[in-house]
C-alpha cells in the first residue's frame, strides 16, 4: 500500500477524522490479521487498522505449543508475540502503523506515522483474573489518558490526568459483528481514543 505523498499536520487529517466526534469501531472477526474498521456515525468507512495474518498465525502457533489457545499458558505465549498494524484509509493509502510489543501480562502499543515519529504510547496490564488496566502517555512520557469502567465489556470512560472526560466507549448490543461506539467529549485528537480502544479490544481478545 502506498504512503501519502504529502504528510498532513496530524494523522487525523489524513484519516479524515478532524471535526468528527462520533465513531464506530468494528472488529473484523473473519480477518486473519485481527483487523478493525473505523466508521463515522453514519457507518461510512474512514480507515482500517489492518493486522498482519502471518504475525497473528505466529502468535496462535506459539499458543498451541504452550498448551493450546484456550489454556492459560497458551494465551500467555500468544500475547508475547510483537505485532504491527497499518492504518489504511478508505482509498488504500497507509498513513502509519500501530506497533505492539508483546508480553505475557503486559503489552505496549505505540502509534507511529510514516516517518516513524511516535504519537501516543499505550500500556496495558492484565490481572490474574482477567481484568485489564490501561493508560496512555505522550511520546515524552507525560500522562495523556486513563480509563474507568468495564474494559472487557467496552463500557468505560476515557479521562485526562485531571479527571476530565475525554471520550466515552460503549458497546453496541445489536450488531452483526463486535462493534462499539467511541464518542469524543473533550478536547483531544479523536484518533487517540480510537487507537486506545482498539488496543484494549486486542488485549481483550487475546
N, C-alpha and C. Protein backbone atom coordinates (compact mmCIF):
# COMPACT_ATOMS: atom_id res chain seq x y z
N UNK A 1 0.84 -1.19 0.00
CA UNK A 1 0.00 0.00 0.00
C UNK A 1 0.88 1.25 0.00
N UNK A 2 0.57 2.22 -0.84
CA UNK A 2 1.45 3.39 -0.95
C UNK A 2 1.32 4.29 0.26
N UNK A 3 2.40 5.00 0.56
CA UNK A 3 2.37 6.03 1.59
C UNK A 3 1.93 7.34 0.95
N UNK A 4 1.31 8.24 1.71
CA UNK A 4 0.86 9.51 1.15
C UNK A 4 2.04 10.37 0.71
N UNK A 5 1.83 11.11 -0.38
CA UNK A 5 2.91 11.97 -0.89
C UNK A 5 3.15 13.15 0.05
N UNK A 6 2.09 13.71 0.59
CA UNK A 6 2.20 14.87 1.47
C UNK A 6 1.71 14.49 2.86
N UNK A 7 2.57 14.63 3.85
CA UNK A 7 2.20 14.29 5.22
C UNK A 7 1.40 15.44 5.82
N UNK A 8 0.18 15.18 6.34
CA UNK A 8 -0.63 16.24 6.91
C UNK A 8 -0.12 16.66 8.28
N UNK A 9 -0.74 17.71 8.83
CA UNK A 9 -0.31 18.21 10.14
C UNK A 9 -0.47 17.14 11.21
N UNK A 10 -1.53 16.36 11.15
CA UNK A 10 -1.75 15.27 12.09
C UNK A 10 -2.24 14.05 11.32
N UNK A 11 -2.12 12.89 11.93
CA UNK A 11 -2.65 11.68 11.31
C UNK A 11 -4.16 11.77 11.14
N UNK A 12 -4.83 12.46 12.05
CA UNK A 12 -6.28 12.58 11.96
C UNK A 12 -6.71 13.31 10.70
N UNK A 13 -5.91 14.29 10.24
CA UNK A 13 -6.22 14.96 8.99
C UNK A 13 -6.18 13.97 7.83
N UNK A 14 -5.14 13.17 7.77
CA UNK A 14 -5.01 12.20 6.68
C UNK A 14 -6.09 11.14 6.70
N UNK A 15 -6.55 10.77 7.90
CA UNK A 15 -7.56 9.72 8.03
C UNK A 15 -8.98 10.28 8.07
N UNK A 16 -9.13 11.57 7.83
CA UNK A 16 -10.43 12.24 7.73
C UNK A 16 -11.24 12.19 9.03
N UNK A 17 -10.53 12.31 10.15
CA UNK A 17 -11.20 12.32 11.45
C UNK A 17 -11.44 13.73 11.97
N UNK A 18 -10.70 14.68 11.49
CA UNK A 18 -10.76 16.04 12.01
C UNK A 18 -12.18 16.61 11.89
N UNK A 19 -12.68 17.15 12.99
CA UNK A 19 -14.02 17.73 13.01
C UNK A 19 -15.12 16.74 13.35
N UNK A 20 -14.81 15.48 13.42
CA UNK A 20 -15.79 14.45 13.77
C UNK A 20 -15.68 14.14 15.26
N UNK A 21 -16.81 13.71 15.85
CA UNK A 21 -16.83 13.44 17.28
C UNK A 21 -17.35 12.05 17.63
N UNK A 22 -18.02 11.41 16.71
CA UNK A 22 -18.67 10.13 17.00
C UNK A 22 -18.23 9.08 15.98
N UNK A 23 -17.81 7.93 16.49
CA UNK A 23 -17.24 6.90 15.63
C UNK A 23 -17.75 5.52 16.03
N UNK A 24 -17.70 4.61 15.07
CA UNK A 24 -17.96 3.20 15.31
C UNK A 24 -16.68 2.43 15.03
N UNK A 25 -16.33 1.52 15.92
CA UNK A 25 -15.16 0.66 15.73
C UNK A 25 -15.66 -0.77 15.67
N UNK A 26 -15.31 -1.45 14.59
CA UNK A 26 -15.82 -2.80 14.35
C UNK A 26 -14.67 -3.78 14.24
N UNK A 27 -14.68 -4.79 15.09
CA UNK A 27 -13.69 -5.86 15.00
C UNK A 27 -14.07 -6.77 13.84
N UNK A 28 -13.17 -6.90 12.87
CA UNK A 28 -13.44 -7.75 11.72
C UNK A 28 -13.13 -9.19 12.09
N UNK A 29 -14.14 -9.88 12.55
CA UNK A 29 -13.98 -11.20 13.15
C UNK A 29 -13.37 -12.19 12.19
N UNK A 30 -13.70 -12.12 10.91
CA UNK A 30 -13.22 -13.10 9.94
C UNK A 30 -11.85 -12.74 9.37
N UNK A 31 -11.26 -11.66 9.83
CA UNK A 31 -9.95 -11.25 9.32
C UNK A 31 -8.84 -12.08 9.96
N UNK A 32 -7.98 -12.69 9.13
CA UNK A 32 -6.87 -13.49 9.65
C UNK A 32 -5.85 -12.63 10.39
N UNK A 33 -5.80 -11.35 10.06
CA UNK A 33 -4.81 -10.47 10.68
C UNK A 33 -5.32 -9.71 11.88
N UNK A 34 -6.51 -10.05 12.36
CA UNK A 34 -7.06 -9.38 13.54
C UNK A 34 -7.18 -7.88 13.29
N UNK A 35 -8.07 -7.48 12.37
CA UNK A 35 -8.18 -6.10 11.92
C UNK A 35 -9.43 -5.42 12.47
N UNK A 36 -9.45 -4.08 12.32
CA UNK A 36 -10.56 -3.27 12.82
C UNK A 36 -10.94 -2.24 11.76
N UNK A 37 -12.25 -2.02 11.61
CA UNK A 37 -12.76 -0.98 10.72
C UNK A 37 -13.29 0.18 11.56
N UNK A 38 -12.89 1.39 11.22
CA UNK A 38 -13.37 2.59 11.90
C UNK A 38 -14.29 3.35 10.95
N UNK A 39 -15.50 3.68 11.42
CA UNK A 39 -16.51 4.36 10.62
C UNK A 39 -16.99 5.61 11.34
N UNK A 40 -17.63 6.50 10.58
CA UNK A 40 -18.29 7.62 11.23
C UNK A 40 -19.66 7.17 11.75
N UNK A 41 -20.41 8.08 12.33
CA UNK A 41 -21.69 7.71 12.95
C UNK A 41 -22.70 7.21 11.93
N UNK A 42 -22.51 7.56 10.64
CA UNK A 42 -23.42 7.11 9.58
C UNK A 42 -22.93 5.82 8.92
N UNK A 43 -21.91 5.20 9.52
CA UNK A 43 -21.33 3.93 9.07
C UNK A 43 -20.56 4.04 7.76
N UNK A 44 -20.07 5.26 7.46
CA UNK A 44 -19.19 5.42 6.31
C UNK A 44 -17.77 5.05 6.73
N UNK A 45 -17.09 4.16 5.98
CA UNK A 45 -15.73 3.76 6.36
C UNK A 45 -14.76 4.93 6.31
N UNK A 46 -13.92 5.04 7.34
CA UNK A 46 -12.90 6.08 7.40
C UNK A 46 -11.50 5.49 7.23
N UNK A 47 -11.19 4.48 8.02
CA UNK A 47 -9.92 3.81 7.87
C UNK A 47 -9.98 2.45 8.53
N UNK A 48 -8.97 1.64 8.28
CA UNK A 48 -8.87 0.31 8.85
C UNK A 48 -7.54 0.15 9.56
N UNK A 49 -7.58 -0.48 10.72
CA UNK A 49 -6.36 -0.87 11.42
C UNK A 49 -6.12 -2.32 11.03
N UNK A 50 -5.21 -2.53 10.08
CA UNK A 50 -5.05 -3.83 9.44
C UNK A 50 -3.92 -4.63 10.08
N UNK A 51 -4.28 -5.79 10.61
CA UNK A 51 -3.28 -6.68 11.18
C UNK A 51 -2.62 -7.52 10.12
N UNK A 52 -1.50 -8.12 10.47
CA UNK A 52 -0.75 -8.98 9.58
C UNK A 52 -1.09 -10.43 9.89
N UNK A 53 -1.58 -11.15 8.88
CA UNK A 53 -2.03 -12.53 9.10
C UNK A 53 -0.89 -13.42 9.57
N UNK A 54 0.31 -13.21 9.01
CA UNK A 54 1.45 -14.04 9.40
C UNK A 54 1.81 -13.86 10.86
N UNK A 55 1.80 -12.64 11.34
CA UNK A 55 2.12 -12.38 12.74
C UNK A 55 1.06 -13.00 13.65
N UNK A 56 -0.19 -12.90 13.25
CA UNK A 56 -1.26 -13.45 14.08
C UNK A 56 -1.17 -14.98 14.13
N UNK A 57 -0.85 -15.60 12.98
CA UNK A 57 -0.70 -17.05 12.95
C UNK A 57 0.49 -17.49 13.79
N UNK A 58 1.56 -16.66 13.80
CA UNK A 58 2.73 -17.00 14.62
C UNK A 58 2.37 -17.00 16.09
N UNK A 59 1.56 -16.02 16.51
CA UNK A 59 1.12 -15.97 17.90
C UNK A 59 0.26 -17.17 18.25
N UNK A 60 -0.65 -17.53 17.32
CA UNK A 60 -1.50 -18.69 17.58
C UNK A 60 -0.68 -19.98 17.64
N UNK A 61 0.36 -20.07 16.80
CA UNK A 61 1.21 -21.25 16.79
C UNK A 61 1.95 -21.40 18.11
N UNK A 62 2.49 -20.29 18.61
CA UNK A 62 3.17 -20.35 19.90
C UNK A 62 2.20 -20.74 21.01
N UNK A 63 0.98 -20.21 20.92
CA UNK A 63 -0.03 -20.57 21.91
C UNK A 63 -0.35 -22.04 21.89
N UNK A 64 -0.41 -22.62 20.68
CA UNK A 64 -0.70 -24.06 20.59
C UNK A 64 0.43 -24.90 21.16
N UNK A 65 1.68 -24.44 20.97
CA UNK A 65 2.81 -25.18 21.53
C UNK A 65 2.82 -25.14 23.05
N UNK A 66 2.30 -24.04 23.61
CA UNK A 66 2.33 -23.86 25.06
C UNK A 66 1.13 -24.47 25.77
N UNK A 67 0.26 -25.14 25.01
CA UNK A 67 -0.86 -25.78 25.68
C UNK A 67 -2.21 -25.54 25.04
N UNK A 68 -2.22 -24.77 23.93
CA UNK A 68 -3.49 -24.52 23.25
C UNK A 68 -4.01 -23.12 23.53
N UNK A 69 -4.75 -22.56 22.56
CA UNK A 69 -5.23 -21.19 22.66
C UNK A 69 -6.22 -20.97 23.80
N UNK A 70 -6.84 -22.05 24.27
CA UNK A 70 -7.81 -21.92 25.37
C UNK A 70 -7.17 -22.11 26.74
N UNK A 71 -5.88 -22.45 26.76
CA UNK A 71 -5.21 -22.66 28.04
C UNK A 71 -4.57 -21.36 28.52
N UNK A 72 -4.32 -21.29 29.81
CA UNK A 72 -3.69 -20.09 30.39
C UNK A 72 -2.30 -19.87 29.80
N UNK A 73 -1.48 -20.90 29.75
CA UNK A 73 -0.13 -20.77 29.22
C UNK A 73 -0.15 -20.47 27.72
N UNK A 74 -1.11 -21.03 27.01
CA UNK A 74 -1.23 -20.76 25.59
C UNK A 74 -1.54 -19.30 25.31
N UNK A 75 -2.45 -18.72 26.08
CA UNK A 75 -2.78 -17.31 25.90
C UNK A 75 -1.59 -16.42 26.25
N UNK A 76 -0.84 -16.78 27.29
CA UNK A 76 0.35 -16.01 27.64
C UNK A 76 1.36 -16.02 26.50
N UNK A 77 1.57 -17.19 25.90
CA UNK A 77 2.53 -17.30 24.81
C UNK A 77 2.07 -16.50 23.59
N UNK A 78 0.79 -16.56 23.26
CA UNK A 78 0.27 -15.84 22.10
C UNK A 78 0.42 -14.34 22.28
N UNK A 79 0.22 -13.85 23.51
CA UNK A 79 0.32 -12.41 23.76
C UNK A 79 1.76 -11.91 23.72
N UNK A 80 2.73 -12.81 23.80
CA UNK A 80 4.13 -12.39 23.85
C UNK A 80 4.69 -12.02 22.49
N UNK A 81 3.95 -12.28 21.41
CA UNK A 81 4.44 -12.01 20.06
C UNK A 81 4.23 -10.53 19.72
N UNK A 82 5.28 -9.88 19.18
CA UNK A 82 5.15 -8.49 18.72
C UNK A 82 4.29 -8.46 17.46
N UNK A 83 3.50 -7.40 17.32
CA UNK A 83 2.60 -7.26 16.18
C UNK A 83 2.74 -5.86 15.59
N UNK A 84 2.35 -5.72 14.33
CA UNK A 84 2.33 -4.41 13.70
C UNK A 84 1.06 -4.30 12.86
N UNK A 85 0.35 -3.19 13.01
CA UNK A 85 -0.89 -2.95 12.29
C UNK A 85 -0.72 -1.68 11.45
N UNK A 86 -1.22 -1.70 10.23
CA UNK A 86 -1.18 -0.50 9.39
C UNK A 86 -2.50 0.26 9.49
N UNK A 87 -2.41 1.59 9.48
CA UNK A 87 -3.59 2.44 9.44
C UNK A 87 -3.81 2.84 7.99
N UNK A 88 -4.85 2.29 7.37
CA UNK A 88 -5.08 2.44 5.94
C UNK A 88 -6.42 3.14 5.72
N UNK A 89 -6.41 4.25 4.96
CA UNK A 89 -7.66 4.97 4.75
C UNK A 89 -8.52 4.27 3.71
N UNK A 90 -9.71 4.82 3.44
CA UNK A 90 -10.67 4.18 2.55
C UNK A 90 -10.18 4.10 1.11
N UNK A 91 -9.15 4.88 0.78
CA UNK A 91 -8.58 4.85 -0.57
C UNK A 91 -7.43 3.87 -0.69
N UNK A 92 -7.09 3.19 0.40
CA UNK A 92 -6.00 2.23 0.37
C UNK A 92 -4.64 2.82 0.68
N UNK A 93 -4.60 4.05 1.17
CA UNK A 93 -3.33 4.71 1.49
C UNK A 93 -2.99 4.48 2.96
N UNK A 94 -1.77 4.04 3.22
CA UNK A 94 -1.31 3.79 4.58
C UNK A 94 -0.71 5.06 5.17
N UNK A 95 -1.21 5.44 6.36
CA UNK A 95 -0.78 6.69 6.99
C UNK A 95 0.12 6.46 8.20
N UNK A 96 0.25 5.27 8.65
CA UNK A 96 1.09 4.99 9.82
C UNK A 96 0.86 3.57 10.27
N UNK A 97 1.37 3.27 11.46
CA UNK A 97 1.19 1.91 11.97
C UNK A 97 1.10 1.93 13.50
N UNK A 98 0.49 0.90 14.01
CA UNK A 98 0.39 0.67 15.45
C UNK A 98 1.26 -0.53 15.77
N UNK A 99 2.32 -0.32 16.54
CA UNK A 99 3.26 -1.38 16.85
C UNK A 99 3.03 -1.88 18.27
N UNK A 100 2.86 -3.18 18.41
CA UNK A 100 2.64 -3.79 19.72
C UNK A 100 3.87 -4.57 20.13
N UNK A 101 4.39 -4.25 21.31
CA UNK A 101 5.44 -5.05 21.93
C UNK A 101 4.77 -5.96 22.94
N UNK A 102 4.85 -7.27 22.70
CA UNK A 102 4.09 -8.22 23.49
C UNK A 102 4.75 -8.58 24.80
N UNK A 103 3.93 -9.05 25.70
CA UNK A 103 4.37 -9.57 26.98
C UNK A 103 3.30 -10.47 27.53
N UNK A 104 3.64 -11.34 28.46
CA UNK A 104 2.67 -12.29 28.99
C UNK A 104 1.47 -11.58 29.61
N UNK A 105 1.71 -10.62 30.47
CA UNK A 105 0.61 -9.89 31.12
C UNK A 105 0.73 -8.39 30.96
N UNK A 106 1.63 -7.95 30.09
CA UNK A 106 1.81 -6.52 29.86
C UNK A 106 2.16 -6.30 28.40
N UNK A 107 1.48 -5.35 27.74
CA UNK A 107 1.75 -5.04 26.34
C UNK A 107 1.85 -3.52 26.18
N UNK A 108 2.69 -3.11 25.24
CA UNK A 108 2.85 -1.69 24.93
C UNK A 108 2.53 -1.48 23.46
N UNK A 109 1.62 -0.55 23.17
CA UNK A 109 1.25 -0.19 21.81
C UNK A 109 1.75 1.22 21.53
N UNK A 110 2.47 1.40 20.43
CA UNK A 110 2.98 2.71 20.04
C UNK A 110 2.45 3.07 18.66
N UNK A 111 1.81 4.23 18.54
CA UNK A 111 1.30 4.71 17.26
C UNK A 111 2.39 5.54 16.59
N UNK A 112 2.75 5.16 15.36
CA UNK A 112 3.83 5.81 14.60
C UNK A 112 3.30 6.28 13.26
N UNK A 113 3.79 7.44 12.79
CA UNK A 113 3.45 7.86 11.44
C UNK A 113 4.45 7.26 10.46
N UNK A 114 4.34 7.61 9.18
CA UNK A 114 5.21 7.01 8.17
C UNK A 114 6.66 7.46 8.29
N UNK A 115 6.91 8.54 9.04
CA UNK A 115 8.27 8.99 9.30
C UNK A 115 8.83 8.36 10.58
N UNK A 116 8.08 7.38 11.14
CA UNK A 116 8.46 6.66 12.37
C UNK A 116 8.45 7.54 13.60
N UNK A 117 7.69 8.64 13.55
CA UNK A 117 7.54 9.50 14.73
C UNK A 117 6.42 8.96 15.60
N UNK A 118 6.67 8.79 16.90
CA UNK A 118 5.62 8.30 17.80
C UNK A 118 4.62 9.39 18.13
N UNK A 119 3.33 9.01 18.28
CA UNK A 119 2.27 9.95 18.59
C UNK A 119 1.63 9.66 19.94
N UNK A 120 1.56 8.40 20.32
CA UNK A 120 0.96 8.01 21.59
C UNK A 120 1.51 6.64 21.97
N UNK A 121 1.70 6.41 23.27
CA UNK A 121 2.16 5.13 23.78
C UNK A 121 1.13 4.62 24.79
N UNK A 122 0.63 3.41 24.57
CA UNK A 122 -0.43 2.83 25.40
C UNK A 122 0.12 1.63 26.15
N UNK A 123 -0.09 1.61 27.45
CA UNK A 123 0.36 0.50 28.28
C UNK A 123 -0.84 -0.27 28.80
N UNK A 124 -0.85 -1.58 28.55
CA UNK A 124 -1.95 -2.43 29.01
C UNK A 124 -1.40 -3.49 29.96
N UNK A 125 -2.04 -3.64 31.10
CA UNK A 125 -1.65 -4.65 32.08
C UNK A 125 -2.85 -5.53 32.38
N UNK A 126 -2.62 -6.84 32.39
CA UNK A 126 -3.67 -7.80 32.68
C UNK A 126 -3.52 -8.32 34.10
N UNK A 127 -4.63 -8.41 34.81
CA UNK A 127 -4.63 -9.01 36.13
C UNK A 127 -4.74 -10.52 36.04
N UNK A 128 -4.52 -11.18 37.14
CA UNK A 128 -4.56 -12.64 37.16
C UNK A 128 -5.94 -13.20 36.91
N UNK A 129 -6.98 -12.39 37.20
CA UNK A 129 -8.34 -12.89 37.00
C UNK A 129 -8.97 -12.31 35.73
N UNK A 130 -8.14 -11.74 34.84
CA UNK A 130 -8.64 -11.34 33.52
C UNK A 130 -8.93 -9.87 33.35
N UNK A 131 -8.86 -9.05 34.40
CA UNK A 131 -9.11 -7.63 34.25
C UNK A 131 -7.97 -6.95 33.49
N UNK A 132 -8.27 -5.79 32.90
CA UNK A 132 -7.27 -5.03 32.14
C UNK A 132 -7.19 -3.62 32.70
N UNK A 133 -5.99 -3.13 32.89
CA UNK A 133 -5.74 -1.74 33.23
C UNK A 133 -5.03 -1.08 32.05
N UNK A 134 -5.48 0.11 31.68
CA UNK A 134 -4.92 0.78 30.51
C UNK A 134 -4.59 2.23 30.83
N UNK A 135 -3.41 2.66 30.40
CA UNK A 135 -3.00 4.06 30.50
C UNK A 135 -2.34 4.44 29.18
N UNK A 136 -2.30 5.74 28.90
CA UNK A 136 -1.65 6.23 27.69
C UNK A 136 -0.85 7.48 28.03
N UNK A 137 0.29 7.62 27.38
CA UNK A 137 1.15 8.78 27.60
C UNK A 137 1.56 9.37 26.26
N UNK A 138 1.97 10.64 26.29
CA UNK A 138 2.59 11.26 25.12
C UNK A 138 3.97 10.64 24.91
N UNK A 139 4.55 10.81 23.72
CA UNK A 139 5.89 10.23 23.48
C UNK A 139 6.95 10.67 24.48
N UNK A 140 6.79 11.86 25.07
CA UNK A 140 7.78 12.32 26.05
C UNK A 140 7.51 11.80 27.46
N UNK A 141 6.48 10.96 27.61
CA UNK A 141 6.19 10.36 28.90
C UNK A 141 5.13 11.06 29.71
N UNK A 142 4.65 12.22 29.27
CA UNK A 142 3.60 12.92 30.02
C UNK A 142 2.30 12.13 29.97
N UNK A 143 1.58 12.01 31.09
CA UNK A 143 0.31 11.28 31.09
C UNK A 143 -0.69 11.91 30.12
N UNK A 144 -1.43 11.07 29.42
CA UNK A 144 -2.45 11.55 28.48
C UNK A 144 -3.84 11.08 28.86
N UNK A 145 -4.02 9.77 29.06
CA UNK A 145 -5.35 9.22 29.27
C UNK A 145 -5.29 8.03 30.22
N UNK A 146 -6.41 7.81 30.90
CA UNK A 146 -6.62 6.59 31.67
C UNK A 146 -8.09 6.24 31.57
N UNK A 147 -8.48 5.09 32.11
CA UNK A 147 -9.85 4.61 31.95
C UNK A 147 -10.51 4.33 33.29
N UNK A 148 -11.84 4.31 33.25
CA UNK A 148 -12.64 3.94 34.41
C UNK A 148 -13.89 3.25 33.89
N UNK A 149 -14.10 2.01 34.29
CA UNK A 149 -15.28 1.27 33.85
C UNK A 149 -14.91 -0.15 33.49
N UNK A 150 -15.80 -0.82 32.77
CA UNK A 150 -15.63 -2.22 32.41
C UNK A 150 -14.98 -2.32 31.03
N UNK A 151 -13.65 -2.49 31.01
CA UNK A 151 -12.93 -2.53 29.75
C UNK A 151 -13.26 -3.79 28.95
N UNK A 152 -13.49 -4.89 29.65
CA UNK A 152 -13.79 -6.15 28.97
C UNK A 152 -15.08 -6.04 28.16
N UNK A 153 -16.08 -5.34 28.70
CA UNK A 153 -17.38 -5.21 28.03
C UNK A 153 -17.48 -3.95 27.18
N UNK A 154 -16.39 -3.20 27.05
CA UNK A 154 -16.39 -1.97 26.26
C UNK A 154 -17.42 -0.96 26.76
N UNK A 155 -17.44 -0.75 28.04
CA UNK A 155 -18.27 0.30 28.62
C UNK A 155 -17.40 1.05 29.63
N UNK A 156 -16.75 2.10 29.15
CA UNK A 156 -15.84 2.82 30.03
C UNK A 156 -15.66 4.26 29.56
N UNK A 157 -15.16 5.09 30.47
CA UNK A 157 -14.83 6.47 30.18
C UNK A 157 -13.33 6.60 30.03
N UNK A 158 -12.92 7.49 29.14
CA UNK A 158 -11.52 7.84 28.98
C UNK A 158 -11.34 9.24 29.54
N UNK A 159 -10.39 9.40 30.45
CA UNK A 159 -10.23 10.68 31.15
C UNK A 159 -8.79 11.18 31.05
N UNK A 160 -8.64 12.50 31.16
CA UNK A 160 -7.30 13.09 31.17
C UNK A 160 -6.72 13.01 32.57
N UNK A 161 -5.47 13.45 32.80
CA UNK A 161 -4.86 13.31 34.12
C UNK A 161 -5.56 14.08 35.23
N UNK A 162 -6.39 15.07 34.88
CA UNK A 162 -7.13 15.83 35.90
C UNK A 162 -8.48 15.21 36.21
N UNK A 163 -8.85 14.15 35.50
CA UNK A 163 -10.14 13.50 35.72
C UNK A 163 -11.25 13.98 34.81
N UNK A 164 -10.94 14.87 33.87
CA UNK A 164 -11.95 15.35 32.94
C UNK A 164 -12.24 14.31 31.86
N UNK A 165 -13.51 14.16 31.49
CA UNK A 165 -13.92 13.20 30.48
C UNK A 165 -13.41 13.61 29.09
N UNK A 166 -12.75 12.68 28.41
CA UNK A 166 -12.28 12.90 27.05
C UNK A 166 -13.12 12.14 26.03
N UNK A 167 -13.55 10.94 26.39
CA UNK A 167 -14.33 10.12 25.45
C UNK A 167 -15.09 9.06 26.22
N UNK A 168 -16.16 8.60 25.60
CA UNK A 168 -16.97 7.51 26.16
C UNK A 168 -16.97 6.36 25.17
N UNK A 169 -16.72 5.16 25.66
CA UNK A 169 -16.73 3.97 24.82
C UNK A 169 -17.85 3.06 25.32
N UNK A 170 -18.74 2.66 24.43
CA UNK A 170 -19.83 1.78 24.84
C UNK A 170 -20.18 0.84 23.70
N UNK A 171 -20.43 -0.38 24.05
CA UNK A 171 -20.66 -1.44 23.08
C UNK A 171 -22.07 -1.34 22.50
N UNK A 172 -22.17 -1.65 21.21
CA UNK A 172 -23.47 -1.75 20.57
C UNK A 172 -24.00 -3.15 20.80
N UNK A 173 -25.17 -3.22 21.43
CA UNK A 173 -25.72 -4.53 21.78
C UNK A 173 -26.34 -5.24 20.59
N UNK A 174 -26.83 -4.47 19.61
CA UNK A 174 -27.43 -5.08 18.42
C UNK A 174 -26.52 -4.78 17.24
N UNK A 175 -25.67 -5.73 16.89
CA UNK A 175 -24.72 -5.55 15.79
C UNK A 175 -24.36 -6.91 15.23
N UNK A 176 -24.09 -6.95 13.91
CA UNK A 176 -23.71 -8.21 13.28
C UNK A 176 -22.33 -8.66 13.73
N UNK A 177 -21.48 -7.70 14.04
CA UNK A 177 -20.13 -8.01 14.48
C UNK A 177 -19.86 -7.27 15.78
N UNK A 178 -18.71 -7.54 16.35
CA UNK A 178 -18.30 -6.88 17.59
C UNK A 178 -18.05 -5.41 17.30
N UNK A 179 -19.04 -4.57 17.58
CA UNK A 179 -18.99 -3.15 17.23
C UNK A 179 -19.26 -2.31 18.46
N UNK A 180 -18.53 -1.22 18.60
CA UNK A 180 -18.77 -0.33 19.72
C UNK A 180 -18.56 1.11 19.31
N UNK A 181 -19.16 2.02 20.08
CA UNK A 181 -19.10 3.44 19.82
C UNK A 181 -17.94 4.08 20.57
N UNK A 182 -17.30 5.03 19.93
CA UNK A 182 -16.32 5.89 20.59
C UNK A 182 -16.80 7.32 20.37
N UNK A 183 -17.27 7.97 21.44
CA UNK A 183 -17.80 9.32 21.37
C UNK A 183 -16.82 10.28 22.06
N UNK A 184 -16.28 11.22 21.29
CA UNK A 184 -15.32 12.18 21.82
C UNK A 184 -16.08 13.28 22.55
N UNK A 185 -15.71 13.53 23.80
CA UNK A 185 -16.40 14.51 24.64
C UNK A 185 -15.55 15.74 24.92
N UNK A 186 -14.24 15.54 25.08
CA UNK A 186 -13.36 16.62 25.46
C UNK A 186 -12.46 17.07 24.32
N UNK A 187 -11.51 17.92 24.66
CA UNK A 187 -10.59 18.48 23.67
C UNK A 187 -9.41 17.53 23.51
N UNK A 188 -9.49 16.67 22.49
CA UNK A 188 -8.43 15.69 22.23
C UNK A 188 -8.50 15.28 20.77
N UNK A 189 -7.38 14.95 20.20
CA UNK A 189 -7.33 14.40 18.86
C UNK A 189 -8.16 13.12 18.86
N UNK A 190 -9.18 13.01 18.00
CA UNK A 190 -10.07 11.83 18.05
C UNK A 190 -9.35 10.52 17.77
N UNK A 191 -8.22 10.57 17.07
CA UNK A 191 -7.51 9.33 16.78
C UNK A 191 -7.02 8.65 18.05
N UNK A 192 -6.69 9.43 19.09
CA UNK A 192 -6.13 8.84 20.30
C UNK A 192 -7.10 7.92 21.03
N UNK A 193 -8.32 8.35 21.34
CA UNK A 193 -9.24 7.40 21.99
C UNK A 193 -9.64 6.23 21.09
N UNK A 194 -9.64 6.43 19.76
CA UNK A 194 -9.95 5.32 18.86
C UNK A 194 -8.87 4.25 18.95
N UNK A 195 -7.61 4.67 18.83
CA UNK A 195 -6.50 3.72 18.89
C UNK A 195 -6.41 3.08 20.27
N UNK A 196 -6.66 3.87 21.29
CA UNK A 196 -6.69 3.37 22.67
C UNK A 196 -7.71 2.25 22.81
N UNK A 197 -8.89 2.44 22.22
CA UNK A 197 -9.95 1.43 22.30
C UNK A 197 -9.60 0.18 21.51
N UNK A 198 -8.96 0.36 20.35
CA UNK A 198 -8.53 -0.79 19.54
C UNK A 198 -7.51 -1.62 20.31
N UNK A 199 -6.56 -0.96 20.97
CA UNK A 199 -5.55 -1.69 21.75
C UNK A 199 -6.19 -2.50 22.87
N UNK A 200 -7.18 -1.90 23.54
CA UNK A 200 -7.88 -2.60 24.61
C UNK A 200 -8.63 -3.80 24.05
N UNK A 201 -9.26 -3.63 22.90
CA UNK A 201 -10.01 -4.74 22.30
C UNK A 201 -9.07 -5.88 21.92
N UNK A 202 -7.92 -5.53 21.37
CA UNK A 202 -6.96 -6.57 21.01
C UNK A 202 -6.55 -7.36 22.25
N UNK A 203 -6.25 -6.68 23.33
CA UNK A 203 -5.82 -7.36 24.54
C UNK A 203 -6.95 -8.19 25.13
N UNK A 204 -8.17 -7.70 24.99
CA UNK A 204 -9.33 -8.46 25.47
C UNK A 204 -9.49 -9.75 24.69
N UNK A 205 -9.28 -9.68 23.35
CA UNK A 205 -9.44 -10.85 22.51
C UNK A 205 -8.38 -11.89 22.80
N UNK A 206 -7.15 -11.44 23.08
CA UNK A 206 -6.05 -12.36 23.33
C UNK A 206 -6.08 -12.87 24.76
